[in-house]
Amino acid sequence: MMHGVRSLARTLRLPSPCREITFRSMFSTAHQDQADAVQTEIFRRMSLTQKLELAVAMQQQARDLMDSGLKLSHPQFTATERQR
């Protein structure tokens, strides 16, 4: 279903420096332009299906993160109560 960034970079046949982009690079101002260009190229080469899979995976990660936060701050809540 969802490809990892490195797997996707290999699938799209991007040069090896593009495969090494990590989450930290999003916060590096020295390489921001290069990272933006790489990310733009990755998105440009993705099919609509891949983009949709990425969006769905990001939404699920956001929900999981929110659920984890609620578990920590309100351990008395059941799974049903956390979903409300």
N, C-alpha and C. Protein backbone atom coordinates (compact mmCIF):
# COMPACT_ATOMS: atom_id res chain seq x y z
N MET A 1 0.83 -1.19 0.00
CA MET A 1 0.00 0.00 0.00
C MET A 1 0.88 1.25 0.00
N MET A 2 1.25 1.74 1.18
CA MET A 2 2.01 2.98 1.27
C MET A 2 3.50 2.70 1.19
N HIS A 3 4.17 3.43 0.31
CA HIS A 3 5.61 3.28 0.15
C HIS A 3 6.34 4.18 1.13
N GLY A 4 7.51 3.72 1.61
CA GLY A 4 8.38 4.59 2.38
C GLY A 4 9.03 5.59 1.45
N VAL A 5 9.59 6.66 1.99
CA VAL A 5 10.21 7.69 1.15
C VAL A 5 11.36 7.12 0.34
N ARG A 6 12.23 6.32 0.98
CA ARG A 6 13.35 5.75 0.24
C ARG A 6 12.88 4.77 -0.81
N SER A 7 11.90 3.96 -0.49
CA SER A 7 11.35 3.01 -1.44
C SER A 7 10.72 3.77 -2.62
N LEU A 8 10.00 4.83 -2.31
CA LEU A 8 9.38 5.64 -3.35
C LEU A 8 10.45 6.28 -4.23
N ALA A 9 11.52 6.77 -3.63
CA ALA A 9 12.61 7.38 -4.40
C ALA A 9 13.22 6.36 -5.36
N ARG A 10 13.38 5.12 -4.88
CA ARG A 10 13.91 4.06 -5.76
C ARG A 10 12.92 3.75 -6.87
N THR A 11 11.64 3.67 -6.51
CA THR A 11 10.59 3.38 -7.49
C THR A 11 10.57 4.44 -8.58
N LEU A 12 10.74 5.69 -8.18
CA LEU A 12 10.71 6.79 -9.14
C LEU A 12 12.06 7.01 -9.82
N ARG A 13 13.06 6.21 -9.45
CA ARG A 13 14.41 6.27 -10.02
C ARG A 13 15.06 7.64 -9.82
N LEU A 14 14.90 8.17 -8.61
CA LEU A 14 15.54 9.44 -8.28
C LEU A 14 17.00 9.17 -7.96
N PRO A 15 17.89 10.16 -8.18
CA PRO A 15 19.30 9.96 -7.85
C PRO A 15 19.48 9.70 -6.36
N SER A 16 20.57 9.02 -6.01
CA SER A 16 20.76 8.58 -4.62
C SER A 16 20.71 9.72 -3.59
N PRO A 17 21.20 10.94 -3.85
CA PRO A 17 21.07 11.98 -2.83
C PRO A 17 19.61 12.24 -2.45
N CYS A 18 18.70 12.05 -3.39
CA CYS A 18 17.28 12.27 -3.12
C CYS A 18 16.75 11.21 -2.16
N ARG A 19 17.35 10.04 -2.15
CA ARG A 19 16.89 8.96 -1.29
C ARG A 19 17.25 9.21 0.16
N GLU A 20 18.19 10.11 0.41
CA GLU A 20 18.68 10.33 1.77
C GLU A 20 17.97 11.47 2.48
N ILE A 21 16.94 12.05 1.85
CA ILE A 21 16.20 13.13 2.49
C ILE A 21 15.50 12.57 3.73
N THR A 22 15.63 13.25 4.83
CA THR A 22 15.03 12.81 6.08
C THR A 22 14.13 13.90 6.63
N PHE A 23 13.41 13.58 7.67
CA PHE A 23 12.52 14.54 8.31
C PHE A 23 13.28 15.76 8.78
N ARG A 24 14.53 15.58 9.25
CA ARG A 24 15.32 16.71 9.74
C ARG A 24 15.56 17.75 8.67
N SER A 25 15.64 17.35 7.40
CA SER A 25 15.95 18.31 6.34
C SER A 25 14.87 19.36 6.19
N MET A 26 13.66 19.07 6.66
CA MET A 26 12.59 20.05 6.55
C MET A 26 12.88 21.27 7.41
N PHE A 27 13.73 21.11 8.43
CA PHE A 27 14.01 22.21 9.34
C PHE A 27 15.37 22.85 9.10
N SER A 28 16.10 22.40 8.13
CA SER A 28 17.42 22.92 7.84
C SER A 28 17.30 24.06 6.84
N THR A 29 17.61 25.28 7.26
CA THR A 29 17.48 26.42 6.36
C THR A 29 18.58 26.44 5.30
N ALA A 30 19.76 25.89 5.61
CA ALA A 30 20.87 25.90 4.65
C ALA A 30 20.55 25.10 3.40
N HIS A 31 19.77 24.06 3.55
CA HIS A 31 19.47 23.19 2.41
C HIS A 31 18.00 23.22 2.02
N GLN A 32 17.28 24.21 2.50
CA GLN A 32 15.84 24.25 2.28
C GLN A 32 15.47 24.29 0.81
N ASP A 33 16.17 25.11 0.02
CA ASP A 33 15.85 25.20 -1.41
C ASP A 33 16.05 23.86 -2.11
N GLN A 34 17.15 23.19 -1.78
CA GLN A 34 17.42 21.89 -2.39
C GLN A 34 16.37 20.86 -1.95
N ALA A 35 16.04 20.88 -0.68
CA ALA A 35 15.03 19.94 -0.17
C ALA A 35 13.67 20.21 -0.81
N ASP A 36 13.33 21.48 -0.96
CA ASP A 36 12.06 21.83 -1.61
C ASP A 36 12.03 21.32 -3.05
N ALA A 37 13.13 21.47 -3.75
CA ALA A 37 13.20 21.01 -5.14
C ALA A 37 13.05 19.50 -5.23
N VAL A 38 13.71 18.79 -4.33
CA VAL A 38 13.62 17.32 -4.31
C VAL A 38 12.19 16.90 -3.99
N GLN A 39 11.60 17.52 -2.97
CA GLN A 39 10.24 17.16 -2.58
C GLN A 39 9.26 17.46 -3.71
N THR A 40 9.42 18.59 -4.36
CA THR A 40 8.55 18.95 -5.49
C THR A 40 8.68 17.92 -6.59
N GLU A 41 9.90 17.50 -6.89
CA GLU A 41 10.12 16.51 -7.94
C GLU A 41 9.50 15.16 -7.56
N ILE A 42 9.63 14.77 -6.31
CA ILE A 42 9.02 13.51 -5.86
C ILE A 42 7.50 13.58 -6.03
N PHE A 43 6.89 14.67 -5.58
CA PHE A 43 5.44 14.82 -5.73
C PHE A 43 5.03 14.86 -7.19
N ARG A 44 5.81 15.51 -8.02
CA ARG A 44 5.49 15.62 -9.45
C ARG A 44 5.49 14.24 -10.11
N ARG A 45 6.39 13.37 -9.69
CA ARG A 45 6.51 12.04 -10.29
C ARG A 45 5.53 11.02 -9.72
N MET A 46 4.89 11.37 -8.61
CA MET A 46 3.95 10.44 -7.99
C MET A 46 2.65 10.37 -8.79
N SER A 47 2.09 9.17 -8.85
CA SER A 47 0.78 9.03 -9.49
C SER A 47 -0.29 9.57 -8.54
N LEU A 48 -1.48 9.77 -9.07
CA LEU A 48 -2.57 10.23 -8.21
C LEU A 48 -2.86 9.22 -7.10
N THR A 49 -2.73 7.95 -7.42
CA THR A 49 -2.95 6.91 -6.42
C THR A 49 -1.93 7.02 -5.30
N GLN A 50 -0.66 7.24 -5.65
CA GLN A 50 0.38 7.38 -4.63
C GLN A 50 0.13 8.61 -3.76
N LYS A 51 -0.30 9.70 -4.38
CA LYS A 51 -0.59 10.92 -3.61
C LYS A 51 -1.76 10.69 -2.66
N LEU A 52 -2.77 9.97 -3.12
CA LEU A 52 -3.91 9.68 -2.26
C LEU A 52 -3.49 8.76 -1.11
N GLU A 53 -2.68 7.74 -1.40
CA GLU A 53 -2.18 6.85 -0.35
C GLU A 53 -1.38 7.63 0.69
N LEU A 54 -0.57 8.58 0.23
CA LEU A 54 0.20 9.41 1.14
C LEU A 54 -0.71 10.25 2.03
N ALA A 55 -1.72 10.85 1.43
CA ALA A 55 -2.66 11.68 2.21
C ALA A 55 -3.41 10.84 3.24
N VAL A 56 -3.85 9.66 2.86
CA VAL A 56 -4.56 8.78 3.78
C VAL A 56 -3.64 8.35 4.92
N ALA A 57 -2.40 8.00 4.59
CA ALA A 57 -1.44 7.59 5.62
C ALA A 57 -1.14 8.74 6.58
N MET A 58 -1.02 9.96 6.06
CA MET A 58 -0.77 11.12 6.93
C MET A 58 -1.96 11.38 7.84
N GLN A 59 -3.16 11.22 7.32
CA GLN A 59 -4.36 11.40 8.14
C GLN A 59 -4.40 10.35 9.25
N GLN A 60 -4.07 9.11 8.92
CA GLN A 60 -4.08 8.05 9.93
C GLN A 60 -3.01 8.31 11.00
N GLN A 61 -1.84 8.78 10.58
CA GLN A 61 -0.79 9.11 11.54
C GLN A 61 -1.24 10.22 12.48
N ALA A 62 -1.93 11.22 11.94
CA ALA A 62 -2.43 12.32 12.77
C ALA A 62 -3.44 11.80 13.79
N ARG A 63 -4.32 10.90 13.35
CA ARG A 63 -5.30 10.33 14.27
C ARG A 63 -4.63 9.48 15.35
N ASP A 64 -3.63 8.70 14.94
CA ASP A 64 -2.90 7.87 15.91
C ASP A 64 -2.17 8.74 16.94
N LEU A 65 -1.58 9.83 16.48
CA LEU A 65 -0.88 10.75 17.36
C LEU A 65 -1.85 11.39 18.36
N MET A 66 -3.00 11.80 17.86
CA MET A 66 -4.01 12.39 18.74
C MET A 66 -4.49 11.36 19.76
N ASP A 67 -4.72 10.13 19.32
CA ASP A 67 -5.17 9.07 20.22
C ASP A 67 -4.12 8.80 21.30
N SER A 68 -2.85 8.77 20.90
CA SER A 68 -1.77 8.55 21.87
C SER A 68 -1.73 9.67 22.91
N GLY A 69 -1.91 10.89 22.46
CA GLY A 69 -1.93 12.03 23.39
C GLY A 69 -3.08 11.94 24.37
N LEU A 70 -4.24 11.55 23.86
CA LEU A 70 -5.40 11.39 24.75
C LEU A 70 -5.20 10.26 25.75
N LYS A 71 -4.55 9.18 25.31
CA LYS A 71 -4.27 8.07 26.23
C LYS A 71 -3.39 8.53 27.38
N LEU A 72 -2.40 9.38 27.06
CA LEU A 72 -1.50 9.87 28.10
C LEU A 72 -2.17 10.86 29.04
N SER A 73 -2.95 11.77 28.47
CA SER A 73 -3.55 12.82 29.30
C SER A 73 -4.84 12.37 29.99
N HIS A 74 -5.52 11.38 29.44
CA HIS A 74 -6.78 10.89 30.01
C HIS A 74 -6.81 9.36 29.97
N PRO A 75 -6.01 8.71 30.81
CA PRO A 75 -5.94 7.24 30.76
C PRO A 75 -7.26 6.56 31.12
N GLN A 76 -8.16 7.29 31.75
CA GLN A 76 -9.44 6.70 32.13
C GLN A 76 -10.40 6.57 30.94
N PHE A 77 -10.12 7.26 29.83
CA PHE A 77 -11.00 7.20 28.66
C PHE A 77 -10.88 5.85 27.97
N THR A 78 -12.00 5.33 27.51
CA THR A 78 -11.97 4.10 26.71
C THR A 78 -11.67 4.49 25.25
N ALA A 79 -11.41 3.49 24.42
CA ALA A 79 -11.13 3.76 23.02
C ALA A 79 -12.32 4.46 22.35
N THR A 80 -13.52 4.06 22.72
CA THR A 80 -14.73 4.69 22.17
C THR A 80 -14.82 6.16 22.58
N GLU A 81 -14.52 6.44 23.82
CA GLU A 81 -14.57 7.83 24.29
C GLU A 81 -13.50 8.68 23.61
N ARG A 82 -12.34 8.10 23.35
CA ARG A 82 -11.27 8.87 22.68
C ARG A 82 -11.63 9.17 21.24
N GLN A 83 -12.46 8.36 20.61
CA GLN A 83 -12.81 8.58 19.20
C GLN A 83 -13.85 9.68 19.02
N ARG A 84 -14.50 10.08 20.08
CA ARG A 84 -15.53 11.12 19.96
C ARG A 84 -14.98 12.45 19.71
